[in-house]
N, C-alpha and C. Protein backbone atom coordinates (compact mmCIF):
# COMPACT_ATOMS: atom_id res chain seq x y z
N UNK A 1 -34.32 -24.96 59.87
CA UNK A 1 -34.18 -23.32 59.95
C UNK A 1 -33.85 -23.02 58.53
N UNK A 2 -32.74 -23.88 57.96
CA UNK A 2 -32.20 -23.65 56.51
C UNK A 2 -33.52 -23.79 55.49
N UNK A 3 -34.37 -24.76 55.96
CA UNK A 3 -35.48 -25.10 54.81
C UNK A 3 -36.25 -23.98 55.03
N UNK A 4 -36.59 -23.16 56.04
CA UNK A 4 -37.40 -22.15 56.27
C UNK A 4 -37.00 -20.67 55.72
N UNK A 5 -35.73 -20.79 55.59
CA UNK A 5 -34.86 -19.34 55.16
C UNK A 5 -34.97 -19.66 53.58
N UNK A 6 -35.06 -20.64 53.13
CA UNK A 6 -35.01 -21.16 51.71
C UNK A 6 -36.46 -20.68 51.08
N UNK A 7 -37.35 -21.27 51.76
CA UNK A 7 -38.86 -20.81 51.41
C UNK A 7 -38.85 -19.41 51.55
N UNK A 8 -38.41 -18.81 52.67
CA UNK A 8 -38.50 -17.37 52.83
C UNK A 8 -37.93 -16.83 51.34
N UNK A 9 -36.77 -17.07 51.11
CA UNK A 9 -35.95 -16.48 49.65
C UNK A 9 -37.02 -16.56 48.72
N UNK A 10 -37.50 -17.77 48.32
CA UNK A 10 -38.49 -18.13 47.23
C UNK A 10 -39.73 -17.01 47.27
N UNK A 11 -40.18 -17.04 48.36
CA UNK A 11 -41.49 -16.22 48.43
C UNK A 11 -41.09 -14.76 48.34
N UNK A 12 -40.12 -14.43 48.47
CA UNK A 12 -39.65 -12.76 48.32
C UNK A 12 -39.25 -12.60 46.87
N UNK A 13 -38.77 -13.65 46.23
CA UNK A 13 -38.60 -13.59 44.54
C UNK A 13 -39.93 -13.67 44.22
N UNK A 14 -40.86 -14.41 44.56
CA UNK A 14 -42.27 -14.39 43.91
C UNK A 14 -43.01 -13.23 44.19
N UNK A 15 -42.74 -12.62 45.38
CA UNK A 15 -42.98 -11.24 45.37
C UNK A 15 -42.82 -10.16 44.81
N UNK A 16 -41.45 -10.15 44.37
CA UNK A 16 -41.02 -8.96 43.48
C UNK A 16 -41.48 -9.29 42.13
N UNK A 17 -41.57 -10.50 41.68
CA UNK A 17 -42.11 -10.78 40.26
C UNK A 17 -43.54 -10.45 40.33
N UNK A 18 -44.30 -10.88 41.14
CA UNK A 18 -45.92 -10.31 41.53
C UNK A 18 -45.78 -8.74 41.16
N UNK A 19 -45.01 -7.92 42.18
CA UNK A 19 -44.95 -6.69 42.25
C UNK A 19 -44.80 -5.96 40.51
N UNK A 20 -43.90 -6.46 40.11
CA UNK A 20 -43.27 -6.14 38.68
C UNK A 20 -44.37 -6.32 37.71
N UNK A 21 -45.01 -7.70 37.94
CA UNK A 21 -46.08 -7.80 36.82
C UNK A 21 -47.30 -7.03 37.05
N UNK A 22 -47.52 -6.54 38.24
CA UNK A 22 -48.69 -5.83 38.55
C UNK A 22 -48.45 -4.52 37.96
N UNK A 23 -47.21 -4.06 37.91
CA UNK A 23 -47.17 -2.68 37.36
C UNK A 23 -46.29 -2.86 36.06
N UNK A 24 -46.45 -3.94 35.19
CA UNK A 24 -45.57 -4.02 33.93
C UNK A 24 -45.75 -2.85 32.92
N UNK A 25 -47.06 -2.39 33.07
CA UNK A 25 -47.30 -1.32 31.88
C UNK A 25 -46.75 -0.02 32.23
N UNK A 26 -46.38 0.06 33.55
CA UNK A 26 -45.78 1.42 34.11
C UNK A 26 -44.17 1.28 33.70
N UNK A 27 -43.84 0.12 34.11
CA UNK A 27 -42.28 -0.30 34.11
C UNK A 27 -41.89 -0.05 32.45
N UNK A 28 -42.80 -0.65 31.69
CA UNK A 28 -42.52 -0.69 30.17
C UNK A 28 -42.42 0.84 29.80
N UNK A 29 -43.47 1.67 30.15
CA UNK A 29 -43.38 3.13 29.62
C UNK A 29 -42.10 4.05 30.43
N UNK A 30 -41.75 3.54 31.49
CA UNK A 30 -40.61 4.28 32.18
C UNK A 30 -39.39 3.84 31.36
N UNK A 31 -39.33 2.69 30.66
CA UNK A 31 -38.09 2.35 30.15
C UNK A 31 -37.84 2.86 28.66
N UNK A 32 -38.91 3.52 28.27
CA UNK A 32 -39.13 4.14 26.92
C UNK A 32 -37.87 5.32 26.86
N UNK A 33 -37.40 5.48 25.85
CA UNK A 33 -36.24 6.50 25.99
C UNK A 33 -36.63 7.78 26.22
N UNK A 34 -37.99 8.11 25.57
CA UNK A 34 -38.32 9.65 25.44
C UNK A 34 -38.73 9.75 27.21
N UNK A 35 -39.51 8.90 27.78
CA UNK A 35 -39.74 9.15 29.25
C UNK A 35 -38.76 8.94 30.00
N UNK A 36 -37.81 8.09 29.79
CA UNK A 36 -36.47 7.99 30.65
C UNK A 36 -35.41 9.20 30.92
N UNK A 37 -35.65 9.97 29.64
CA UNK A 37 -35.07 11.03 29.56
C UNK A 37 -35.62 12.38 30.26
N UNK A 38 -37.10 12.11 30.57
CA UNK A 38 -37.74 13.17 31.09
C UNK A 38 -39.20 12.48 31.88
N UNK A 39 -39.04 12.37 32.99
CA UNK A 39 -39.96 11.74 33.66
C UNK A 39 -41.38 12.40 33.94
N UNK A 40 -40.85 13.85 33.70
CA UNK A 40 -42.16 14.89 33.47
C UNK A 40 -43.08 14.32 32.57
N UNK A 41 -42.89 13.43 31.74
CA UNK A 41 -43.98 13.21 30.96
C UNK A 41 -44.97 11.80 31.60
N UNK A 42 -44.50 11.47 32.99
CA UNK A 42 -45.66 10.79 33.40
C UNK A 42 -46.60 11.65 34.28
N UNK A 43 -47.88 11.03 34.36
CA UNK A 43 -48.88 11.81 35.07
C UNK A 43 -48.26 11.79 36.78
N UNK A 44 -48.96 12.59 37.40
CA UNK A 44 -48.71 12.44 39.16
C UNK A 44 -49.02 11.14 39.47
N UNK A 45 -49.95 10.45 39.06
CA UNK A 45 -50.36 9.36 39.74
C UNK A 45 -49.44 8.18 39.36
N UNK A 46 -49.10 8.46 38.03
CA UNK A 46 -47.78 7.17 37.67
C UNK A 46 -46.56 7.72 38.43
N UNK A 47 -46.34 8.64 38.54
CA UNK A 47 -45.00 9.18 39.58
C UNK A 47 -45.20 8.59 40.79
N UNK A 48 -46.24 8.55 41.35
CA UNK A 48 -46.69 8.17 42.85
C UNK A 48 -46.43 6.60 42.66
N UNK A 49 -47.25 5.98 41.71
CA UNK A 49 -46.94 4.57 41.61
C UNK A 49 -45.54 4.15 41.50
N UNK A 50 -44.93 4.67 40.73
CA UNK A 50 -43.41 4.42 40.23
C UNK A 50 -42.80 4.59 41.66
N UNK A 51 -42.72 5.68 42.36
CA UNK A 51 -42.43 6.02 43.74
C UNK A 51 -42.70 4.70 44.81
N UNK A 52 -43.94 4.40 44.81
CA UNK A 52 -44.37 3.28 45.54
C UNK A 52 -43.67 1.97 45.27
N UNK A 53 -43.78 1.77 43.88
CA UNK A 53 -43.00 0.31 43.45
C UNK A 53 -41.51 0.41 43.74
N UNK A 54 -41.09 1.36 43.51
CA UNK A 54 -39.72 1.62 44.01
C UNK A 54 -39.12 1.31 45.49
N UNK A 55 -40.06 1.76 46.28
CA UNK A 55 -40.05 1.59 47.75
C UNK A 55 -40.15 0.14 48.06
N UNK A 56 -41.30 -0.32 47.46
CA UNK A 56 -41.45 -1.86 47.60
C UNK A 56 -40.38 -2.69 47.41
N UNK A 57 -40.01 -2.46 46.09
CA UNK A 57 -38.70 -3.22 45.59
C UNK A 57 -37.62 -3.28 46.27
N UNK A 58 -37.29 -2.06 47.02
CA UNK A 58 -35.95 -1.77 47.57
C UNK A 58 -36.08 -2.54 49.04
N UNK A 59 -37.43 -2.45 49.46
CA UNK A 59 -37.47 -3.26 50.62
C UNK A 59 -37.57 -4.98 50.67
N UNK A 60 -38.01 -5.29 49.46
CA UNK A 60 -37.99 -6.89 49.14
C UNK A 60 -36.47 -7.24 48.94
N UNK A 61 -35.81 -6.34 48.23
CA UNK A 61 -34.54 -6.44 47.91
C UNK A 61 -33.59 -6.65 49.22
N UNK A 62 -34.04 -6.05 49.93
CA UNK A 62 -33.30 -5.85 51.07
C UNK A 62 -33.35 -6.82 52.09
N UNK A 63 -34.76 -7.50 52.08
CA UNK A 63 -35.08 -8.62 52.97
C UNK A 63 -34.55 -9.92 52.17
N UNK A 64 -34.37 -9.93 51.02
CA UNK A 64 -33.71 -10.98 50.25
C UNK A 64 -32.25 -11.20 50.83
N UNK A 65 -31.32 -9.74 50.80
CA UNK A 65 -30.13 -10.07 51.30
C UNK A 65 -30.30 -10.68 52.72
N UNK A 66 -30.98 -9.96 53.44
CA UNK A 66 -31.06 -10.41 54.87
C UNK A 66 -31.13 -11.80 55.15
N UNK A 67 -32.10 -12.45 54.57
CA UNK A 67 -32.40 -13.99 54.50
C UNK A 67 -31.23 -14.47 53.85
N UNK A 68 -30.37 -14.11 52.91
CA UNK A 68 -29.49 -14.90 52.26
C UNK A 68 -28.32 -14.99 53.30
N UNK A 69 -28.28 -13.68 54.07
CA UNK A 69 -27.04 -13.75 55.13
C UNK A 69 -27.38 -14.76 56.15
N UNK A 70 -28.81 -14.68 56.74
CA UNK A 70 -29.00 -15.72 57.66
C UNK A 70 -28.93 -17.29 57.13
N UNK A 71 -29.05 -17.37 55.89
CA UNK A 71 -28.93 -18.69 55.65
C UNK A 71 -27.40 -19.09 55.47
N UNK A 72 -26.39 -18.14 55.29
CA UNK A 72 -25.04 -18.59 55.03
C UNK A 72 -24.68 -19.12 56.47
N UNK A 73 -25.34 -18.10 57.49
CA UNK A 73 -24.92 -18.50 59.12
C UNK A 73 -25.54 -19.84 59.40
N UNK A 74 -26.81 -19.72 59.16
CA UNK A 74 -27.18 -21.31 59.69
C UNK A 74 -26.86 -22.51 58.87
N UNK A 75 -26.40 -22.29 57.62
CA UNK A 75 -25.99 -23.44 56.81
C UNK A 75 -24.44 -23.85 57.30
N UNK A 76 -23.92 -23.19 58.06
CA UNK A 76 -22.68 -23.43 58.68
C UNK A 76 -22.99 -24.44 59.81
N UNK A 77 -23.91 -24.56 60.29
CA UNK A 77 -24.17 -25.07 61.69
C UNK A 77 -24.68 -26.77 61.23
N UNK A 78 -24.41 -27.21 60.11
CA UNK A 78 -24.93 -28.55 60.02
C UNK A 78 -24.12 -30.00 60.89
């Protein structure tokens, strides 16, 4: 069980990296100081993509925390 949880953590981390790479240009654009100060500089499509990316990353990060807590529980049963 512990091995499966570790594999799940690795898969989740890889998925986060994949999502960030997929939207690398958008992330780079939002990190610019002018865009960070005024998100109105993003097109409606870019704002929708950013919102979707944020939601996906939040879900993945929540799942990493959940899997890590389960890992802690099950690793105590050795």
